[in-house]
Every structure is written in C-alpha cells, then in structure tokens.
Protein backbone atom coordinates (compact mmCIF):
# COMPACT_ATOMS: atom_id res chain seq x y z
CA MET A 1 0.00 -0.04 0.03
CA TRP A 2 1.06 3.58 -0.62
CA TRP A 3 1.23 4.47 3.03
CA ARG A 4 3.73 1.69 3.67
CA ARG A 5 6.01 2.70 0.92
CA LYS A 6 9.59 2.92 2.23
CA LYS A 7 11.11 6.47 2.28
CA ARG A 8 13.79 6.81 -0.32
CA SER A 9 17.30 7.48 1.02
CA LEU A 10 20.25 9.44 -0.26
CA PRO A 11 21.91 6.15 -1.67
CA ASP A 12 18.67 5.50 -3.56
CA PHE A 13 18.79 8.96 -5.16
CA CYS A 14 22.51 8.50 -5.94
CA GLY A 15 21.70 5.31 -7.72
CA ASP A 16 18.98 7.12 -9.64
CA LEU A 17 21.37 9.84 -10.66
CA ALA A 18 23.96 7.24 -11.88
CA GLN A 19 21.39 5.51 -13.99
CA GLY A 20 19.95 8.77 -15.38
CA VAL A 21 23.43 9.93 -16.36
CA ILE A 22 24.16 6.57 -18.00
CA ASP A 23 20.82 6.70 -19.87
CA LEU A 24 21.32 10.37 -20.80
CA ASP A 25 17.89 11.00 -19.10
CA GLU A 26 17.88 14.61 -18.03
CA ASP A 27 14.53 14.53 -16.34
CA ALA A 28 15.62 11.48 -14.22
CA SER A 29 18.88 13.13 -13.39
CA SER A 30 17.32 16.31 -12.29
CA THR A 31 14.78 14.50 -10.10
CA ALA A 32 17.57 12.51 -8.50
CA MET A 33 19.59 15.66 -7.89
CA ARG A 34 16.71 17.21 -6.07
CA GLY A 35 16.43 14.07 -3.96
CA ILE A 36 20.17 14.15 -3.09
CA ILE A 37 20.07 17.77 -2.08
CA GLY A 38 16.90 17.22 0.00
CA SER A 39 18.41 14.20 1.93
CA LEU A 40 21.98 15.37 2.33
CA ASP A 41 21.64 17.21 5.58
CA GLY A 42 20.34 14.20 7.52
CA ALA A 43 22.85 11.60 6.06
CA GLY A 44 25.53 10.08 8.29
CA PRO A 45 28.93 8.87 6.97
CA ASP A 46 27.78 5.35 6.24
CA GLU A 47 24.91 6.60 4.08
CA LEU A 48 27.14 9.11 2.40
CA THR A 49 29.65 6.46 1.61
CA GLU A 50 26.98 4.15 0.24
CA GLY A 51 25.76 7.08 -1.93
CA VAL A 52 29.27 7.50 -3.32
CA ARG A 53 29.35 3.72 -3.96
CA ARG A 54 26.24 3.94 -6.00
CA LEU A 55 27.75 6.52 -8.24
CA LEU A 56 30.76 4.30 -9.07
CA PRO A 57 29.43 2.53 -12.20
CA ALA A 58 28.45 5.80 -13.85
CA VAL A 59 31.68 7.55 -12.81
CA ARG A 60 33.55 4.70 -14.45
CA GLN A 61 31.78 4.65 -17.78
CA VAL A 62 30.29 8.05 -18.52
CA SER A 63 31.97 10.19 -21.05
CA ILE A 64 34.07 13.13 -19.63
CA GLY A 65 31.65 15.63 -21.35
CA ASN A 66 28.58 14.11 -19.56
CA GLY A 67 30.17 13.44 -16.15
CA GLY A 68 30.75 16.80 -14.63
CA GLN A 69 27.65 16.61 -12.59
CA LEU A 70 28.55 13.28 -11.16
CA ALA A 71 32.03 14.53 -10.20
CA GLN A 72 30.59 17.59 -8.44
CA VAL A 73 28.07 15.42 -6.46
CA ALA A 74 30.99 13.05 -5.55
CA ALA A 75 32.88 16.11 -4.27
CA GLY A 76 29.94 17.31 -2.24
CA LEU A 77 29.41 13.91 -0.62
CA THR A 78 33.11 13.67 0.23
CA GLU A 79 33.07 17.15 1.83
CA ALA A 80 30.03 16.04 3.89
CA GLY A 81 31.88 12.95 5.15
CA ALA A 82 31.92 10.10 2.60
CA ASP A 83 34.83 7.79 2.49
CA PRO A 84 37.11 9.41 -0.10
CA PHE A 85 38.71 6.16 -1.14
CA VAL A 86 35.63 4.64 -2.75
CA LEU A 87 36.01 6.67 -5.93
CA LEU A 88 39.64 7.69 -5.70
CA ASP A 89 41.18 5.24 -8.12
CA VAL A 90 38.60 5.77 -10.88
CA LEU A 91 38.54 9.59 -10.39
CA VAL A 92 42.35 9.66 -10.68
CA GLU A 93 42.27 7.49 -13.76
CA ARG A 94 39.52 9.47 -15.48
CA ILE A 95 40.85 12.95 -14.69
CA THR A 96 44.43 12.04 -15.62
CA ASP A 97 43.34 10.65 -18.97
CA ALA A 98 41.09 13.70 -19.62
CA LEU A 99 43.98 16.11 -18.78
CA GLU A 100 46.37 14.20 -21.03
CA GLN A 101 43.81 14.32 -23.82
CA ALA A 102 43.02 18.00 -23.24
CA ALA A 103 46.70 18.83 -23.52
CA ARG A 104 46.57 17.73 -27.14
CA PHE A 105 43.89 20.25 -27.99
CA PRO A 106 46.31 22.90 -29.38
CA VAL A 107 47.16 20.44 -32.18
CA LEU A 108 43.58 20.41 -33.35
CA ALA A 109 43.18 24.16 -32.87
CA GLU A 110 46.27 24.77 -35.01
CA LYS A 111 44.96 22.55 -37.82
CA ASP A 112 41.60 24.28 -37.74
CA GLY A 113 43.23 27.62 -38.08
CA GLY A 114 41.11 29.20 -35.36
CA GLU A 115 39.84 28.83 -31.81
CA PHE A 116 37.31 26.39 -30.64
CA GLU A 117 34.67 27.58 -28.23
CA ALA A 118 32.45 25.59 -25.99
CA PRO A 119 29.02 25.16 -27.70
CA ALA A 120 26.07 26.83 -26.21
CA SER A 121 23.33 25.18 -28.37
CA GLN A 122 22.83 21.90 -30.33
CA GLU A 123 23.52 23.87 -33.59
CA GLU A 124 26.85 25.06 -32.21
CA ALA A 125 27.67 21.51 -31.04
CA ASP A 126 26.94 20.09 -34.46
CA ALA A 127 29.17 22.75 -36.00
CA LEU A 128 31.90 22.09 -33.56
CA MET A 129 31.80 18.33 -34.32
CA ASN A 130 32.17 19.11 -38.06
CA ARG A 131 35.19 21.30 -37.34
CA VAL A 132 36.69 18.64 -35.11
CA ALA A 133 36.32 15.97 -37.76
CA ARG A 134 38.18 18.12 -40.34
CA ALA A 135 40.88 19.13 -37.92
CA ALA A 136 41.39 15.62 -36.71
CA ALA A 137 41.74 14.34 -40.26
CA GLN A 138 44.42 17.02 -41.02
CA ALA A 139 46.28 16.06 -37.83
CA GLY A 140 46.17 12.30 -38.50
CA ILE A 141 43.88 11.66 -35.58
CA GLU A 142 40.83 9.47 -35.62
CA GLN A 143 37.60 11.45 -35.45
CA GLU A 144 36.36 9.84 -32.33
CA GLU A 145 39.68 10.55 -30.59
CA GLY A 146 39.49 14.11 -31.79
CA ILE A 147 36.02 14.48 -30.19
CA ARG A 148 37.42 13.13 -26.96
CA ILE A 149 40.29 15.65 -27.00
CA VAL A 150 37.93 18.65 -27.48
CA GLU A 151 35.42 17.25 -25.00
CA SER A 152 38.13 16.74 -22.43
CA PHE A 153 39.54 20.32 -22.98
CA PHE A 154 36.17 21.94 -22.38
CA THR A 155 34.88 19.81 -19.41
CA VAL A 156 37.79 18.37 -17.40
CA ASP A 157 37.76 21.43 -15.17
CA GLU A 158 34.30 20.25 -13.83
CA TRP A 159 35.89 16.99 -12.72
CA ILE A 160 38.91 18.35 -10.88
CA PRO A 161 37.14 19.51 -7.67
CA SER A 162 36.34 15.84 -6.90
CA LEU A 163 39.92 15.32 -6.21
CA LEU A 164 40.70 18.73 -4.57
CA LEU A 165 38.70 17.82 -1.42
CA PRO A 166 40.24 14.32 -0.86
CA LEU A 167 43.77 15.66 -1.51
CA GLN A 168 43.44 18.00 1.48
CA GLN A 169 43.40 14.85 3.76
CA LYS A 170 46.77 13.48 4.75
CA ARG A 171 45.64 9.89 4.68
CA VAL A 172 44.53 10.27 1.08
CA ARG A 173 47.77 12.00 0.00
CA GLN A 174 49.80 9.27 1.61
CA ALA A 175 48.01 6.52 -0.35
CA PHE A 176 47.45 8.53 -3.60
CA PRO A 177 47.77 6.54 -6.76
CA GLY A 178 49.46 7.79 -9.94
CA ARG A 179 50.68 11.02 -8.31
CA GLU A 180 53.57 11.83 -10.73
CA ARG A 181 51.56 11.26 -13.85
CA LEU A 182 48.55 13.27 -12.63
CA ALA A 183 50.87 16.11 -11.60
CA ALA A 184 52.48 16.16 -15.05
CA ALA A 185 49.09 16.19 -16.73
CA ALA A 186 47.79 19.00 -14.34
CA ASP A 187 50.91 21.05 -14.93
CA ALA A 188 50.42 20.80 -18.73
CA MET A 189 46.91 22.09 -18.34
CA SER A 190 47.49 24.81 -15.75
CA GLY A 191 47.12 27.60 -18.20
CA HIS A 192 43.86 26.25 -19.56
CA ALA A 193 41.88 24.60 -16.69
CA ASP A 194 41.25 26.93 -13.76
CA ALA A 195 41.32 24.12 -11.15
CA ALA A 196 44.37 22.39 -12.53
CA PRO A 197 46.94 24.65 -10.69
CA TRP A 198 45.19 24.07 -7.36
CA MET A 199 45.37 20.27 -7.97
CA TYR A 200 48.99 20.44 -9.03
CA GLY A 201 49.78 22.35 -5.75
CA LEU A 202 48.20 19.73 -3.63
CA LEU A 203 50.07 16.98 -5.36
CA GLN A 204 53.25 18.76 -4.29
CA VAL A 205 52.34 18.85 -0.59
CA LEU A 206 54.88 17.12 1.65
CA ASP A 207 53.97 14.84 4.50
CA ASP A 208 56.07 13.67 7.41
CA GLU A 209 59.02 15.58 5.82
CA PRO A 210 62.14 16.20 7.83
CA PHE A 211 63.27 19.84 7.99
CA LEU A 212 66.35 21.38 9.47
CA VAL A 213 65.81 24.90 10.50
CA ILE A 214 68.76 27.23 11.30
CA HIS A 215 68.34 30.64 13.02
CA ARG A 216 71.46 32.37 11.92
CA PRO A 217 71.50 35.36 14.40
CA ALA A 218 71.16 33.14 17.37
CA GLY A 219 73.31 30.32 16.03
CA ARG A 220 70.64 27.73 16.88
CA ALA A 221 69.34 24.82 14.85
CA PHE A 222 66.28 22.68 15.07
CA ARG A 223 64.96 19.45 13.56
CA LEU A 224 61.20 19.43 12.69
CA THR A 225 58.77 17.34 10.89
CA VAL A 226 56.25 19.02 8.55
CA SER A 227 53.04 17.83 6.86
CA GLY A 228 50.19 19.55 5.00
CA VAL A 229 51.68 22.87 4.30
CA GLY A 230 50.42 24.58 1.11
CA ASP A 231 53.02 27.38 0.59
CA ASN A 232 55.95 29.05 2.10
CA PHE A 233 53.92 31.94 3.55
CA GLN A 234 52.09 29.36 5.66
CA LEU A 235 55.42 27.64 6.46
CA HIS A 236 56.83 31.00 7.58
CA THR A 237 53.99 31.60 10.11
CA LEU A 238 54.13 28.04 11.42
CA LEU A 239 57.89 28.12 11.91
CA ALA A 240 57.56 31.40 13.79
CA ALA A 241 54.75 29.96 15.91
CA THR A 242 56.84 26.90 16.70
CA LEU A 243 60.23 28.41 17.27
CA ILE A 244 59.77 31.76 18.76
CA GLY A 245 59.75 31.57 22.59
CA ASP A 246 61.80 31.55 25.74
CA PRO A 247 65.54 31.46 24.83
CA ALA A 248 66.09 29.76 28.25
CA HIS A 249 64.04 26.77 26.85
CA GLY A 250 66.18 26.67 23.65
CA LEU A 251 63.85 28.72 21.47
CA ILE A 252 64.36 31.89 19.50
CA ASP A 253 63.77 35.41 21.05
CA GLY A 254 61.33 37.50 19.40
CA VAL A 255 57.49 38.36 18.99
CA ARG A 256 55.33 35.44 18.35
CA PRO A 257 52.78 35.61 15.56
CA GLU A 258 49.34 36.88 16.69
CA PRO A 259 46.79 34.22 17.54
CA ALA A 260 44.69 35.25 14.54
CA TRP A 261 47.59 34.63 12.14
CA ILE A 262 48.24 31.15 13.60
CA ALA A 263 44.64 30.35 13.32
CA ALA A 264 44.55 31.42 9.70
CA ALA A 265 47.58 29.33 9.02
CA THR A 266 46.11 26.16 10.78
CA ASP A 267 42.43 25.58 11.16
CA GLY A 268 40.75 28.87 11.74
CA ARG A 269 37.65 29.87 9.79
CA ASP A 270 39.01 33.28 9.01
CA LEU A 271 41.63 32.67 6.35
CA GLN A 272 42.36 36.43 5.96
CA PRO A 273 42.82 38.10 9.34
CA ALA A 274 42.29 41.91 9.55
CA GLY A 275 45.51 43.66 8.64
CA GLY A 276 47.02 40.67 7.06
CA VAL A 277 49.81 38.36 8.35
CA ARG A 278 53.32 39.81 9.04
CA GLY A 279 56.54 37.91 8.71
CA GLN A 280 59.23 37.65 11.41
CA PHE A 281 62.07 36.41 9.33
CA GLU A 282 63.70 36.22 5.86
CA LEU A 283 63.94 32.68 4.68
CA PHE A 284 66.90 31.27 2.70
CA GLY A 285 68.01 27.83 1.58
CA ALA A 286 71.31 26.25 2.54
CA GLY A 287 72.87 27.56 -0.67
CA GLY A 288 71.85 31.18 0.02
CA GLU A 289 68.95 31.17 -2.32
CA ARG A 290 65.91 33.09 -1.15
CA ILE A 291 62.83 31.07 -0.18
CA TRP A 292 59.92 32.91 -1.77
CA GLY A 293 56.54 32.94 0.07
CA GLU A 294 54.70 32.07 -3.17
CA GLY A 295 56.75 28.92 -3.51
CA ARG A 296 56.11 25.52 -1.83
CA PRO A 297 58.00 23.59 0.87
CA ALA A 298 58.65 20.92 -1.89
CA ASP A 299 60.77 23.60 -3.72
CA ILE A 300 63.24 23.88 -0.86
CA PRO A 301 66.50 21.97 -1.54
CA VAL A 302 67.42 18.95 0.38
CA LEU A 303 70.76 18.60 2.06
CA ASP A 304 71.75 15.37 3.89
CA GLY A 305 68.18 14.21 4.02
CA HIS A 306 66.62 17.39 5.26
CA ARG A 307 65.05 20.40 3.58
CA VAL A 308 67.17 23.22 5.11
CA VAL A 309 65.57 26.57 6.02
CA VAL A 310 67.82 29.44 7.25
CA LEU A 311 66.12 32.12 9.22
CA ASP A 312 67.47 35.63 9.13
CA LYS A 313 66.36 38.99 10.57
CA PRO A 314 64.02 40.67 8.06
CA SER A 315 65.55 43.50 6.07
CA TYR A 316 62.20 45.08 5.63
CA ALA A 317 58.57 44.46 6.78
CA ARG A 318 56.78 41.63 4.88
CA SER A 319 53.12 40.83 5.01
CA TRP A 320 50.62 38.77 3.17
CA ASN A 321 46.81 38.44 3.20
CA THR A 322 45.94 34.73 3.50
CA GLY A 323 46.95 32.39 6.27
CA ARG A 324 46.64 29.17 4.12
CA VAL A 325 45.73 28.42 0.52
CA TYR A 326 43.80 25.21 1.14
CA PRO A 327 41.10 25.82 3.69
CA LEU A 328 40.44 22.06 4.53
CA MET A 329 44.07 20.95 4.75
CA HIS A 330 45.25 20.70 8.31
CA PRO A 331 48.96 21.30 8.67
CA GLU A 332 51.27 19.55 11.14
CA ILE A 333 54.58 20.85 12.30
CA SER A 334 56.51 19.34 15.28
CA LEU A 335 59.70 20.35 16.92
CA ASP A 336 61.58 17.02 17.32
CA ARG A 337 64.93 18.26 18.57
CA THR A 338 66.98 21.34 19.39
CA LEU A 339 70.50 20.60 18.21
CA PRO A 340 73.34 20.91 20.71
CA GLU A 341 75.47 24.00 20.24
CA ALA A 342 78.39 22.09 18.68
CA GLU A 343 76.14 20.43 16.11
CA ALA A 344 74.36 23.73 15.29
CA THR A 345 77.79 25.41 14.80
CA THR A 346 78.78 22.71 12.37
CA TRP A 347 75.58 23.29 10.36
CA LEU A 348 76.32 27.04 10.34
CA THR A 349 79.61 26.43 8.69
CA ARG A 350 77.77 24.50 5.89
CA ILE A 351 75.37 27.13 4.91
CA THR A 352 76.07 29.87 2.40
CA ASP A 353 75.45 33.57 2.87
CA PRO A 354 72.36 35.02 1.13
CA ALA A 355 72.76 35.44 -2.58
CA ASP A 356 70.95 38.78 -2.59
C-alpha cells in the first residue's frame, strides 16, 4: 500500500542519478539531484559512503563531457563525510586521462586555423563536431579521438574538484595513486583549466617531511617534521609559531605571531585576518637562495636528507593576506629536537650567505 512505501534514502537517489546519467535521461537526473540535495543534511557517514558507492558505475563509464555533474556530487558527498577512497582510483584514472587528452587540444586548434569555443546550443555543437572532424583528419587523428580531445579540454575542469577535497586529507595524500603522472598532466593544463593549478599544488604537498631550520642570528638549529603545508607563506607563520619563545628553553627570542595569524595558517575559519599576516624572518636555503613565500615547501632544496631553511632577521617589513591556501588541509609541524650548540655550529659552517 502507498502508506507503507519505504522512504527513499540518499543512496537511492545517488543510484537514480547514476542511472539517469548513463541513460542520458535529463529528467531522471534532475529528479535525482533534487532528492540528493533534500536528503543530504540528515545523512551520516555510512549513508554518504553508500551514496558514493552507488555513483561508481556511472563515474567509471560516463563520457568526460557528460560526467561533470557526477564529479561535483562526488565532491559534495566527500566534503559532507563520505569515504574518499571509494571513488579515488577511478577519479584519478578518469581525470588524468582527460587532462592528457585535453593537452593535445592545441594540435587540433592549429589545424583548424582558429579557436574552438564551448558550444551553447545543439547547432553550435553540431558545427563544432564538423570542425573537429576536419581538424582531426588533417592532424592524422581518428575522428572519435578528436572528439574526446575537445570534450576533455572543455569539461575536465568540472571533474577536478572531486580530487581537490580528498587531497586535502593527509591519509589520502599518503595513499594517492598515480601522483607523478597526474601532476604532470595537471601542470600541462595549468594555463587552460582553472582548477588544474590548485590540484597540482596539492600533489606537491609534503607529509612527514624532515626539516632542518637554522636561526643564523642566534646560532641555533632545530629538527622538525612538517606535513600538510600549502605554501611558504604558511610555512613562515608556522615556523615562527613553533620556534619563537623563551631562549632559556632553547627557542628563538622574538615576538610570536598573533593568534589570529596562527589560526589562519592552521584551522581557523578566518583565512584572511584583519590587517594581514606579518613575517618575522627572511627565509633562505642552505645555498643562500631566497625562499619565496609564493613557493612551496617541496621547492626547498634537500641537504643530507633534510630540507634546510635558514632564518635571518628581516631587512624590511613583509606581509601577506591569506594564512593558508587550502582551507580544509590541516597542517602539522612538530619540533623534534633542538640541536646541541656544537652540532648547530657545524651546520652554520655549511650554509652559504644569502645570494641577494
């Protein structure tokens, strides 16, 4: 009887969406999307994870051009608490392939003698396919492959957010498949897909990385372990928060960063504190090269198994607006050991004066 009909759950709606996308049924997909949105607030982790699992067949087989909605739903469910590993392998495979295909787009554009634009109507889509067919033939590319290239170029950006959220979790980064290949593909498309540089940056994030930090003015050196830091502005703030303190306890004399700055660089909701964030040091590598705030910890050269950061007194006031570039990524920085004076002195003899 109708009054005994079981209430439909979020996984049910996710299954409907997957089938609607596979069948190219826009009405069924729209109805399923409304159901997902309406049931999302009350869903727990198990239900969210089952919902993601119901999306898997469609994510695996749908064309890149028709799968953007699925990828965006996957991102939303992951942010809400679904297990990020359920779709991880297939998303990495699909997005890597799409980025690599999209990077071939300039070959077709050159053969066509003009620029392709994303179609806004069926007429424009038909005209685009005709142009793709001609350009592919001139480039020695099969027509179907040419269509995949153009489709990937215009739609891969819709898929990338489904990996931006999982990559902000340390456990995902540590088990991430195909990192080097995906990073190369994202780098190649960084000038064309808006989300590609953000994903590339996350793929460069270091975890459980040993650092040796030398404070040249005080002649002190420290061993630290760093995880989940997005750029060197954030690293700067976290080093100051960790190392500035009572010299009697082996720390560096100075003014600690304000609590709002530290919160912005760690897990605070306000990423841009009023007045910005001010720096306490100038940062250099062991070879005297400047460590720019816009760079990443992965750019810092390694010496004897450690990324070496030399802290100097600032020659002028430095400030920046944002405490961290990835809002959901929680950084970890631990002071493992303060080196004895003799060991610190040895390190001081190995570092080069600043190059500028």
